[in-house]
C-alpha atoms as a PDB file:
ATOM      1  CA  MET A   1      90.334  82.624 120.435  1.00  0.00           C
ATOM      2  CA  LEU A   2      92.469  83.307 123.022  1.00  0.00           C
ATOM      3  CA  GLU A   3      94.446  87.004 123.173  1.00  0.00           C
ATOM      4  CA  GLN A   4      98.095  86.705 124.546  1.00  0.00           C
ATOM      5  CA  PRO A   5      99.074  90.729 125.540  1.00  0.00           C
ATOM      6  CA  VAL A   6     103.036  90.625 125.956  1.00  0.00           C
ATOM      7  CA  GLY A   7     105.658  93.260 126.501  1.00  0.00           C
ATOM      8  CA  GLU A   8     105.096  96.404 126.126  1.00  0.00           C
ATOM      9  CA  ALA A   9     102.671  96.533 122.894  1.00  0.00           C
ATOM     10  CA  GLY A  10     100.089  95.942 124.991  1.00  0.00           C
ATOM     11  CA  GLN A  11      96.416  94.656 124.972  1.00  0.00           C
ATOM     12  CA  THR A  12      95.076  97.756 123.033  1.00  0.00           C
ATOM     13  CA  GLY A  13      97.759  96.215 119.729  1.00  0.00           C
ATOM     14  CA  THR A  14      97.014  92.389 120.401  1.00  0.00           C
ATOM     15  CA  GLN A  15      93.011  92.764 119.962  1.00  0.00           C
ATOM     16  CA  ALA A  16      93.757  94.899 116.975  1.00  0.00           C
ATOM     17  CA  ALA A  17      96.028  92.128 115.885  1.00  0.00           C
ATOM     18  CA  VAL A  18      92.943  90.338 116.789  1.00  0.00           C
ATOM     19  CA  TRP A  19      90.587  92.038 114.921  1.00  0.00           C
ATOM     20  CA  ARG A  20      92.385  91.671 112.153  1.00  0.00           C
ATOM     21  CA  LEU A  21      93.116  88.078 111.699  1.00  0.00           C
ATOM     22  CA  THR A  22      89.368  87.163 112.416  1.00  0.00           C
ATOM     23  CA  GLN A  23      88.565  89.917 109.422  1.00  0.00           C
ATOM     24  CA  SER A  24      90.868  88.346 107.429  1.00  0.00           C
ATOM     25  CA  ILE A  25      90.678  84.596 108.210  1.00  0.00           C
ATOM     26  CA  ALA A  26      86.334  85.049 107.697  1.00  0.00           C
ATOM     27  CA  ARG A  27      86.813  85.424 104.592  1.00  0.00           C
ATOM     28  CA  LEU A  28      88.827  82.307 103.386  1.00  0.00           C
ATOM     29  CA  ASP A  29      86.119  79.877 104.390  1.00  0.00           C
ATOM     30  CA  ILE A  30      87.932  77.625 105.669  1.00  0.00           C
ATOM     31  CA  ARG A  31      87.965  76.112 109.366  1.00  0.00           C
ATOM     32  CA  THR A  32      90.150  77.943 111.633  1.00  0.00           C
ATOM     33  CA  ASP A  33      89.922  77.719 115.352  1.00  0.00           C
ATOM     34  CA  GLY A  34      92.481  78.064 118.380  1.00  0.00           C
ATOM     35  CA  LEU A  35      93.521  81.384 117.572  1.00  0.00           C
ATOM     36  CA  ARG A  36      96.818  82.810 119.691  1.00  0.00           C
ATOM     37  CA  VAL A  37      97.871  85.649 119.017  1.00  0.00           C
ATOM     38  CA  ARG A  38     100.937  87.318 120.511  1.00  0.00           C
ATOM     39  CA  LEU A  39     102.284  91.164 120.384  1.00  0.00           C
ATOM     40  CA  SER A  40     105.919  92.449 121.707  1.00  0.00           C
ATOM     41  CA  GLU A  41     108.839  94.493 121.328  1.00  0.00           C
ATOM     42  CA  ALA A  42     112.131  93.552 120.282  1.00  0.00           C
ATOM     43  CA  ARG A  43     114.943  95.841 119.542  1.00  0.00           C
ATOM     44  CA  GLY A  44     112.599  98.710 118.378  1.00  0.00           C
ATOM     45  CA  ARG A  45     110.548  96.703 116.458  1.00  0.00           C
ATOM     46  CA  ILE A  46     106.961  95.025 117.279  1.00  0.00           C
ATOM     47  CA  VAL A  47     106.786  91.466 116.617  1.00  0.00           C
ATOM     48  CA  ALA A  48     103.732  90.310 116.259  1.00  0.00           C
ATOM     49  CA  GLN A  49     103.088  85.871 116.398  1.00  0.00           C
ATOM     50  CA  ALA A  50      99.620  84.099 115.735  1.00  0.00           C
ATOM     51  CA  ASN A  51      99.148  79.922 116.428  1.00  0.00           C
ATOM     52  CA  ALA A  52      96.320  77.991 115.382  1.00  0.00           C
ATOM     53  CA  ARG A  53      94.223  75.337 113.432  1.00  0.00           C
ATOM     54  CA  ALA A  54      93.161  75.214 110.179  1.00  0.00           C
ATOM     55  CA  ALA A  55      91.401  72.491 108.516  1.00  0.00           C
ATOM     56  CA  GLY A  56      92.672  69.596 111.603  1.00  0.00           C
ATOM     57  CA  THR A  57      96.411  71.479 111.306  1.00  0.00           C
ATOM     58  CA  PRO A  58      98.870  72.760 113.613  1.00  0.00           C
ATOM     59  CA  ILE A  59      99.992  76.211 111.623  1.00  0.00           C
ATOM     60  CA  ARG A  60     101.972  79.292 112.791  1.00  0.00           C
ATOM     61  CA  ALA A  61     103.252  82.872 111.304  1.00  0.00           C
ATOM     62  CA  GLN A  62     105.191  85.214 112.420  1.00  0.00           C
ATOM     63  CA  ALA A  63     106.021  89.058 111.519  1.00  0.00           C
ATOM     64  CA  ALA A  64     107.970  92.238 112.467  1.00  0.00           C
ATOM     65  CA  ALA A  65     107.856  95.351 111.885  1.00  0.00           C
ATOM     66  CA  ALA A  66     107.945  99.300 112.769  1.00  0.00           C
ATOM     67  CA  THR A  67     104.683  99.479 114.259  1.00  0.00           C
ATOM     68  CA  ALA A  68     101.126  97.364 115.680  1.00  0.00           C
ATOM     69  CA  ALA A  69      99.417  97.546 112.398  1.00  0.00           C
ATOM     70  CA  GLN A  70     101.829  97.061 110.301  1.00  0.00           C
ATOM     71  CA  ALA A  71     102.481  93.709 112.107  1.00  0.00           C
ATOM     72  CA  ALA A  72      99.372  92.829 112.432  1.00  0.00           C
ATOM     73  CA  ASP A  73      98.611  93.055 108.901  1.00  0.00           C
ATOM     74  CA  ASP A  74     101.989  91.473 108.086  1.00  0.00           C
ATOM     75  CA  LEU A  75     101.002  88.795 110.521  1.00  0.00           C
ATOM     76  CA  ALA A  76      96.960  88.277 108.638  1.00  0.00           C
ATOM     77  CA  ASP A  77      99.239  87.976 104.671  1.00  0.00           C
ATOM     78  CA  ARG A  78     100.993  85.330 106.342  1.00  0.00           C
ATOM     79  CA  LEU A  79      98.618  83.506 108.824  1.00  0.00           C
ATOM     80  CA  CYS A  80      96.289  83.170 105.761  1.00  0.00           C
ATOM     81  CA  HIS A  81      98.703  81.790 103.154  1.00  0.00           C
ATOM     82  CA  ARG A  82      99.319  79.097 105.721  1.00  0.00           C
ATOM     83  CA  ILE A  83      95.559  78.389 105.891  1.00  0.00           C
ATOM     84  CA  ARG A  84      95.271  77.784 102.648  1.00  0.00           C
ATOM     85  CA  GLN A  85      97.968  75.747 102.962  1.00  0.00           C
ATOM     86  CA  ALA A  86      96.803  73.580 105.740  1.00  0.00           C
ATOM     87  CA  ALA A  87      94.006  72.599 103.920  1.00  0.00           C
ATOM     88  CA  GLY A  88      95.487  71.196 101.061  1.00  0.00           C
ATOM     89  CA  CYS A  89      97.283  73.672  98.746  1.00  0.00           C
ATOM     90  CA  TRP A  90     100.957  73.170  99.999  1.00  0.00           C
ATOM     91  CA  THR A  91     103.642  73.553  97.482  1.00  0.00           C
ATOM     92  CA  ALA A  92     106.845  73.806  97.702  1.00  0.00           C
ATOM     93  CA  ARG A  93     107.936  77.339  97.869  1.00  0.00           C
ATOM     94  CA  ALA A  94     110.330  79.067  95.229  1.00  0.00           C
ATOM     95  CA  TRP A  95     113.968  80.431  95.974  1.00  0.00           C
ATOM     96  CA  PRO A  96     114.191  83.178  96.956  1.00  0.00           C
ATOM     97  CA  ASP A  97     110.959  83.875  97.576  1.00  0.00           C
ATOM     98  CA  THR A  98     108.973  86.856  99.123  1.00  0.00           C
ATOM     99  CA  ASP A  99     107.235  84.767 102.512  1.00  0.00           C
ATOM    100  CA  ASP A 100     110.513  83.872 103.924  1.00  0.00           C
ATOM    101  CA  ALA A 101     110.194  84.152 107.628  1.00  0.00           C
ATOM    102  CA  SER A 102     110.962  88.172 108.628  1.00  0.00           C
ATOM    103  CA  VAL A 103     113.580  86.757 111.239  1.00  0.00           C
ATOM    104  CA  PRO A 104     117.070  88.180 109.632  1.00  0.00           C
ATOM    105  CA  SER A 105     118.728  85.204 108.024  1.00  0.00           C
ATOM    106  CA  ARG A 106     121.699  87.512 108.051  1.00  0.00           C
ATOM    107  CA  VAL A 107     122.995  89.900 110.002  1.00  0.00           C
ATOM    108  CA  PRO A 108     125.371  92.655 109.368  1.00  0.00           C
ATOM    109  CA  PRO A 109     128.028  93.115 111.710  1.00  0.00           C
ATOM    110  CA  PRO A 110     127.034  96.400 113.728  1.00  0.00           C
ATOM    111  CA  GLU A 111     123.421  94.814 114.198  1.00  0.00           C
ATOM    112  CA  ARG A 112     125.430  91.158 116.364  1.00  0.00           C
ATOM    113  CA  ALA A 113     123.870  91.575 120.292  1.00  0.00           C
ATOM    114  CA  VAL A 114     127.885  89.584 120.531  1.00  0.00           C
ATOM    115  CA  GLY A 115     128.623  88.810 124.234  1.00  0.00           C
ATOM    116  CA  PRO A 116     127.385  86.429 127.224  1.00  0.00           C
ATOM    117  CA  GLY A 117     124.679  85.576 128.527  1.00  0.00           C
ATOM    118  CA  LEU A 118     123.034  85.636 124.584  1.00  0.00           C
ATOM    119  CA  LEU A 119     121.135  82.021 125.038  1.00  0.00           C
ATOM    120  CA  ALA A 120     117.790  83.011 125.935  1.00  0.00           C
ATOM    121  CA  ARG A 121     115.730  80.294 125.741  1.00  0.00           C
ATOM    122  CA  LEU A 122     116.741  76.036 125.845  1.00  0.00           C
ATOM    123  CA  LYS A 123     113.625  74.433 124.063  1.00  0.00           C
ATOM    124  CA  LEU A 124     113.332  70.738 125.485  1.00  0.00           C
ATOM    125  CA  VAL A 125     111.093  69.315 122.617  1.00  0.00           C
ATOM    126  CA  PRO A 126     110.173  65.448 121.815  1.00  0.00           C
ATOM    127  CA  LEU A 127     111.731  65.355 117.903  1.00  0.00           C
ATOM    128  CA  THR A 128     109.085  63.790 115.838  1.00  0.00           C
ATOM    129  CA  ARG A 129     110.023  61.539 113.850  1.00  0.00           C
ATOM    130  CA  CYS A 130     109.175  62.156 109.879  1.00  0.00           C
ATOM    131  CA  THR A 131     110.670  61.955 106.194  1.00  0.00           C
ATOM    132  CA  PRO A 132     112.776  65.214 105.119  1.00  0.00           C
ATOM    133  CA  GLU A 133     109.495  65.953 103.006  1.00  0.00           C
ATOM    134  CA  ALA A 134     107.097  65.803 105.629  1.00  0.00           C
ATOM    135  CA  ALA A 135     109.698  68.085 108.005  1.00  0.00           C
ATOM    136  CA  VAL A 136     109.690  70.964 105.265  1.00  0.00           C
ATOM    137  CA  ALA A 137     105.704  70.605 105.033  1.00  0.00           C
ATOM    138  CA  VAL A 138     105.975  71.483 108.380  1.00  0.00           C
ATOM    139  CA  MET A 139     109.014  73.886 108.688  1.00  0.00           C
ATOM    140  CA  ASP A 140     106.657  76.023 106.150  1.00  0.00           C
ATOM    141  CA  LEU A 141     103.397  75.637 108.199  1.00  0.00           C
ATOM    142  CA  MET A 142     104.934  76.245 110.982  1.00  0.00           C
ATOM    143  CA  ASP A 143     106.739  79.698 109.727  1.00  0.00           C
ATOM    144  CA  TYR A 144     110.058  78.656 110.551  1.00  0.00           C
ATOM    145  CA  PRO A 145     113.390  78.803 108.670  1.00  0.00           C
ATOM    146  CA  ALA A 146     114.570  75.808 109.628  1.00  0.00           C
ATOM    147  CA  HIS A 147     113.075  72.525 111.478  1.00  0.00           C
ATOM    148  CA  LEU A 148     114.590  69.666 113.624  1.00  0.00           C
ATOM    149  CA  PHE A 149     113.275  66.180 113.329  1.00  0.00           C
ATOM    150  CA  VAL A 150     114.896  62.798 112.852  1.00  0.00           C
ATOM    151  CA  ASP A 151     114.766  61.340 109.576  1.00  0.00           C
ATOM    152  CA  THR A 152     112.583  57.756 109.426  1.00  0.00           C
ATOM    153  CA  ASP A 153     114.788  56.865 106.509  1.00  0.00           C
ATOM    154  CA  THR A 154     117.736  56.610 108.769  1.00  0.00           C
ATOM    155  CA  GLY A 155     117.251  57.227 111.653  1.00  0.00           C
ATOM    156  CA  LEU A 156     119.281  60.482 111.962  1.00  0.00           C
ATOM    157  CA  ASP A 157     118.742  63.572 113.655  1.00  0.00           C
ATOM    158  CA  ALA A 158     118.355  65.874 111.310  1.00  0.00           C
ATOM    159  CA  VAL A 159     117.308  69.174 109.710  1.00  0.00           C
ATOM    160  CA  VAL A 160     115.620  71.057 106.728  1.00  0.00           C
ATOM    161  CA  TYR A 161     116.245  74.933 106.036  1.00  0.00           C
ATOM    162  CA  ARG A 162     115.215  77.342 103.295  1.00  0.00           C
ATOM    163  CA  ALA A 163     117.809  77.811 101.196  1.00  0.00           C
ATOM    164  CA  GLY A 164     119.455  78.131  97.254  1.00  0.00           C
ATOM    165  CA  PRO A 165     119.486  77.024  95.125  1.00  0.00           C
ATOM    166  CA  THR A 166     116.172  74.734  95.409  1.00  0.00           C
ATOM    167  CA  GLY A 167     114.925  76.653  98.293  1.00  0.00           C
ATOM    168  CA  TYR A 168     115.137  74.144 100.430  1.00  0.00           C
ATOM    169  CA  ARG A 169     118.390  71.574 102.120  1.00  0.00           C
ATOM    170  CA  LEU A 170     118.642  68.691 104.342  1.00  0.00           C
ATOM    171  CA  ALA A 171     121.349  68.077 107.008  1.00  0.00           C
ATOM    172  CA  ARG A 172     122.002  65.335 109.049  1.00  0.00           C
ATOM    173  CA  VAL A 173     124.720  64.323 111.454  1.00  0.00           C
ATOM    174  CA  LEU A 174     126.146  62.116 109.278  1.00  0.00           C
ATOM    175  CA  PRO A 175     126.674  62.215 105.686  1.00  0.00           C
ATOM    176  CA  VAL A 176     124.431  59.990 103.462  1.00  0.00           C
ATOM    177  CA  PRO A 177     122.569  59.745 100.387  1.00  0.00           C
ATOM    178  CA  PRO A 178     119.970  62.218  99.054  1.00  0.00           C
ATOM    179  CA  PRO A 179     116.178  60.475 100.384  1.00  0.00           C
ATOM    180  CA  VAL A 180     114.479  58.729  97.064  1.00  0.00           C
ATOM    181  CA  PRO A 181     112.294  59.440  96.130  1.00  0.00           C
ATOM    182  CA  ASN A 182     112.255  63.160  96.875  1.00  0.00           C
ATOM    183  CA  THR A 183     109.255  64.738  95.902  1.00  0.00           C
ATOM    184  CA  VAL A 184     110.493  67.966  97.610  1.00  0.00           C
ATOM    185  CA  PRO A 185     113.382  69.774  95.395  1.00  0.00           C
ATOM    186  CA  LEU A 186     116.262  68.837  98.534  1.00  0.00           C
ATOM    187  CA  THR A 187     119.911  69.648  97.987  1.00  0.00           C
ATOM    188  CA  VAL A 188     121.743  68.019 100.782  1.00  0.00           C
ATOM    189  CA  ASP A 189     124.326  69.009 102.541  1.00  0.00           C
ATOM    190  CA  PRO A 190     127.367  66.304 102.004  1.00  0.00           C
ATOM    191  CA  ARG A 191     129.238  67.234 105.007  1.00  0.00           C
ATOM    192  CA  PRO A 192     128.703  65.998 109.243  1.00  0.00           C
ATOM    193  CA  ALA A 193     126.679  68.407 111.638  1.00  0.00           C
ATOM    194  CA  PRO A 194     130.557  70.137 113.372  1.00  0.00           C
ATOM    195  CA  PRO A 195     130.996  68.588 116.761  1.00  0.00           C
ATOM    196  CA  LEU A 196     130.125  71.986 119.085  1.00  0.00           C
ATOM    197  CA  ASP A 197     129.501  72.669 122.516  1.00  0.00           C
ATOM    198  CA  PRO A 198     126.330  75.554 122.928  1.00  0.00           C
ATOM    199  CA  GLU A 199     128.909  78.576 123.419  1.00  0.00           C
ATOM    200  CA  GLN A 200     130.834  77.146 120.201  1.00  0.00           C
ATOM    201  CA  ALA A 201     127.564  77.678 118.212  1.00  0.00           C
ATOM    202  CA  MET A 202     127.134  80.349 119.368  1.00  0.00           C
ATOM    203  CA  GLY A 203     130.273  81.882 118.341  1.00  0.00           C
ATOM    204  CA  ARG A 204     130.028  80.652 115.311  1.00  0.00           C
ATOM    205  CA  LEU A 205     127.351  82.901 114.545  1.00  0.00           C
ATOM    206  CA  ASP A 206     128.337  85.569 115.624  1.00  0.00           C
ATOM    207  CA  GLU A 207     131.180  85.838 113.873  1.00  0.00           C
ATOM    208  CA  THR A 208     129.082  84.694 110.421  1.00  0.00           C
ATOM    209  CA  GLY A 209     126.110  86.669 110.841  1.00  0.00           C
ATOM    210  CA  LEU A 210     124.142  83.491 109.946  1.00  0.00           C
ATOM    211  CA  GLY A 211     120.528  82.763 111.853  1.00  0.00           C
ATOM    212  CA  HIS A 212     120.493  79.482 112.355  1.00  0.00           C
ATOM    213  CA  LEU A 213     122.917  76.586 112.802  1.00  0.00           C
ATOM    214  CA  PHE A 214     122.953  72.659 112.804  1.00  0.00           C
ATOM    215  CA  PHE A 215     125.057  70.824 115.184  1.00  0.00           C
ATOM    216  CA  THR A 216     126.079  67.484 117.317  1.00  0.00           C
ATOM    217  CA  ASP A 217     126.339  67.491 120.872  1.00  0.00           C
ATOM    218  CA  ARG A 218     129.786  66.405 121.852  1.00  0.00           C
ATOM    219  CA  GLU A 219     129.012  64.460 124.712  1.00  0.00           C
ATOM    220  CA  THR A 220     125.760  62.688 123.713  1.00  0.00           C
ATOM    221  CA  GLY A 221     126.572  62.572 119.445  1.00  0.00           C
ATOM    222  CA  ARG A 222     122.294  64.005 118.724  1.00  0.00           C
ATOM    223  CA  GLY A 223     122.151  66.711 116.362  1.00  0.00           C
ATOM    224  CA  GLN A 224     121.174  70.498 117.984  1.00  0.00           C
ATOM    225  CA  LEU A 225     119.521  73.194 116.513  1.00  0.00           C
ATOM    226  CA  ILE A 226     120.742  77.293 117.708  1.00  0.00           C
ATOM    227  CA  TYR A 227     118.706  79.666 116.476  1.00  0.00           C
ATOM    228  CA  ARG A 228     118.595  84.225 116.248  1.00  0.00           C
ATOM    229  CA  ARG A 229     115.548  85.134 117.578  1.00  0.00           C
ATOM    230  CA  PHE A 230     114.115  88.530 117.268  1.00  0.00           C
ATOM    231  CA  ASP A 231     116.157  90.316 119.448  1.00  0.00           C
ATOM    232  CA  LEU A 232     119.003  88.800 117.990  1.00  0.00           C
ATOM    233  CA  ARG A 233     119.776  86.564 121.304  1.00  0.00           C
ATOM    234  CA  TYR A 234     119.363  83.450 120.428  1.00  0.00           C
ATOM    235  CA  ALA A 235     117.207  80.124 121.157  1.00  0.00           C
ATOM    236  CA  LEU A 236     118.658  76.271 121.659  1.00  0.00           C
ATOM    237  CA  LEU A 237     116.314  73.569 120.662  1.00  0.00           C
ATOM    238  CA  LYS A 238     117.186  69.538 121.303  1.00  0.00           C
ATOM    239  CA  ASP A 239     115.139  66.622 121.572  1.00  0.00           C
ATOM    240  CA  LEU A 240     113.421  65.861 125.044  1.00  0.00           C
ATOM    241  CA  ARG A 241     114.559  62.545 124.987  1.00  0.00           C
END
């Protein structure tokens, strides 16, 4: 077990969160190890995050609340749900669903942090090649509102994300027919991903208040995902290769 106190939330709050999580995990009787907990502050809220491996599968959960104690309680509930999913109980979630990540999917205009310098992080990761169904499972287990991957059915960069009416939506850089067979209730975006640069992508999110945007790099044609963080700044996710 590893603690990672971050920011002004401090070591005491992180230790309390670790204790709360440990007590909750012990009641599940499912092998869970590698627990890492982090607390930080963002726009007046305490943001709690936990990473672990449950039944050999990586999992992650996030929660945000007004106090460290409430954030720890919410985090424990979310993490335990993902532990049970990793142990073989994963099922597609309904829409709408109260378990959706607490990062706001739509931010009202008065709360938006618009302006230059809002790209807080560039994340270069090797994108996983998998089916859309597998990408949905990873998204849920890792508590992501959206998940960028390479679709093995088509070889195209793609993203899955939480959206109505079925709860899950698939978008690819180019429009192609829906995956077959489809064991997850996916709707498919029929439009190609828009070609943008990061500044234009942030501008669209500033205008709409949406939580994320899938787009293609103007130079490479590769798919990228930009999303809103708890502090309402942005992170850009793209393939390392």
